[in-house]
Protein backbone atom coordinates (compact mmCIF):
# COMPACT_ATOMS: atom_id res chain seq x y z
CA MET A 1 0.00 0.00 0.00
CA ALA A 2 1.03 3.52 -0.59
CA ASP A 3 1.16 6.38 1.91
CA LEU A 4 -0.47 5.29 5.20
CA ASP A 5 -1.18 8.92 6.16
CA LYS A 6 -3.85 9.02 3.46
CA LEU A 7 -5.44 5.76 4.66
CA VAL A 8 -6.02 6.62 8.34
CA GLY A 9 -9.42 5.39 9.46
CA ARG A 10 -9.84 2.81 6.68
CA PHE A 11 -10.29 -0.93 7.23
CA PHE A 12 -8.70 -3.64 5.10
CA GLY A 13 -9.74 -7.29 5.22
CA HIS A 14 -7.84 -10.53 4.71
CA ILE A 15 -4.44 -9.09 5.63
CA GLU A 16 -1.76 -11.66 6.46
CA LEU A 17 0.30 -10.89 9.57
CA GLU A 18 3.25 -12.75 11.09
CA THR A 19 4.91 -12.82 14.51
CA CYS A 20 8.58 -11.85 14.44
CA ARG A 21 11.49 -10.75 16.58
CA ASP A 22 12.59 -7.12 16.58
CA VAL A 23 16.32 -6.53 16.97
CA SER A 24 15.83 -3.40 19.07
CA ILE A 25 13.45 -4.86 21.73
CA THR A 26 12.83 -8.23 23.36
CA ARG A 27 9.06 -8.55 23.08
CA PRO A 28 7.65 -10.30 20.03
CA ARG A 29 6.23 -8.09 17.29
CA VAL A 30 3.73 -8.63 14.50
CA ARG A 31 4.35 -7.41 10.96
CA PRO A 32 2.29 -7.44 7.77
CA ASN A 33 3.47 -9.99 5.19
CA ALA A 34 2.35 -8.32 2.00
CA SER A 35 -0.16 -5.47 1.48
CA PHE A 36 1.71 -3.06 3.81
CA SER A 37 5.40 -2.38 4.42
CA ALA A 38 7.03 -4.96 6.73
CA ASP A 39 8.24 -2.17 9.04
CA THR A 40 4.67 -0.97 9.72
CA ARG A 41 3.82 -1.42 13.41
CA VAL A 42 0.81 -3.56 14.26
CA GLU A 43 -1.28 -3.35 17.45
CA PHE A 44 -1.96 -7.01 18.19
CA SER A 45 -3.07 -9.21 21.08
CA ARG A 46 -0.22 -9.86 23.54
CA THR A 47 -1.79 -13.20 24.44
CA LEU A 48 -1.68 -14.42 20.84
CA ARG A 49 1.91 -13.23 20.42
CA GLU A 50 2.92 -15.31 23.46
CA MET A 51 0.74 -18.34 22.67
CA PHE A 52 2.22 -19.21 19.26
CA PRO A 53 5.80 -19.64 18.00
CA ILE A 54 7.66 -16.86 16.20
CA GLY A 55 6.82 -17.08 12.50
CA THR A 56 3.16 -18.00 13.05
CA ARG A 57 0.94 -16.32 10.46
CA PHE A 58 -2.50 -14.84 11.06
CA MET A 59 -5.28 -13.53 8.85
CA ALA A 60 -6.96 -10.38 10.14
CA THR A 61 -8.93 -7.28 9.36
CA VAL A 62 -6.79 -4.22 10.08
CA LYS A 63 -7.57 -0.56 10.57
CA VAL A 64 -5.03 2.15 9.78
CA CYS A 65 -4.79 4.26 12.95
CA GLN A 66 -2.98 7.42 14.04
CA LYS A 67 -2.30 8.60 17.59
CA HIS A 68 -2.88 12.29 18.37
CA VAL A 69 -1.55 14.64 21.06
CA ASP A 70 -3.21 18.02 21.46
CA GLY A 71 -5.14 17.42 18.24
CA LYS A 72 -1.99 16.86 16.16
CA PRO A 73 -0.72 13.54 14.73
CA HIS A 74 1.83 11.92 17.02
CA GLY A 75 4.12 9.23 15.61
CA PRO A 76 3.67 7.27 12.41
CA PRO A 77 0.39 5.60 11.41
CA TYR A 78 0.04 1.97 12.50
CA LEU A 79 -2.30 -0.98 11.97
CA LYS A 80 -4.72 -2.32 14.56
CA ALA A 81 -5.72 -5.98 14.08
CA TYR A 82 -9.33 -7.20 14.46
CA ASP A 83 -11.04 -10.55 13.82
CA VAL A 84 -7.75 -12.45 14.01
CA ALA A 85 -7.54 -16.08 12.82
CA VAL A 86 -4.49 -18.35 13.04
CA ILE A 87 -3.23 -19.90 9.81
CA ALA A 88 -2.81 -23.42 11.22
CA ALA A 89 -0.28 -24.58 8.62
CA SER A 90 2.13 -21.89 9.82
CA VAL A 91 2.37 -23.17 13.41
CA SER A 92 5.70 -24.98 13.63
CA ASP A 93 6.60 -27.80 15.97
CA PRO A 94 9.11 -27.29 17.52
CA GLY A 95 8.91 -23.54 17.67
CA LEU A 96 10.65 -20.49 19.09
CA MET A 97 8.36 -19.20 21.83
CA ALA A 98 8.41 -15.85 23.62
CA ARG A 99 8.24 -16.09 27.41
CA VAL A 100 8.13 -13.16 29.85
CA ARG A 101 11.55 -12.95 31.48
CA LYS A 102 11.57 -14.01 35.16
CA GLY A 103 11.99 -11.00 37.39
CA SER A 104 10.77 -8.55 34.73
CA ILE A 105 9.21 -5.71 36.68
CA SER A 106 7.22 -4.34 33.74
CA GLY A 107 6.39 -7.77 32.29
CA LEU A 108 7.62 -6.54 28.92
CA ALA A 109 11.05 -8.19 28.84
CA TYR A 110 11.11 -11.54 27.04
CA ASP A 111 13.35 -14.54 26.55
CA TYR A 112 12.99 -16.91 23.60
CA VAL A 113 13.03 -20.68 24.09
CA TRP A 114 12.64 -23.63 21.70
CA THR A 115 9.65 -25.77 22.66
CA THR A 116 7.84 -28.81 21.35
CA ARG A 117 4.08 -29.15 21.57
CA ASP A 118 2.86 -32.42 23.06
């Protein structure tokens, strides 16, 4: 998609998203796979990010959103995911799972461990 600034407030259906690691932070992120730039931030359920291995793909409806401070745009536009469905074929076994780091005061620091589903 082109310039997100011009799309604020619009919804887009059947957008594929994927969990990923971000080199600058420890918590797992979600990025769009196609329709939008891969560096576009996505507001996505923390529970789902922790429940499935890194690389799991999802299908969702997204809305292009923009935060405002004092009535002026603040930060870049981002996507907010709704009606999320897991693409089952993308769930790997074993998988790299995000786990909240023990002793994390904020609960936002993560470690990544390889796990196998039983």
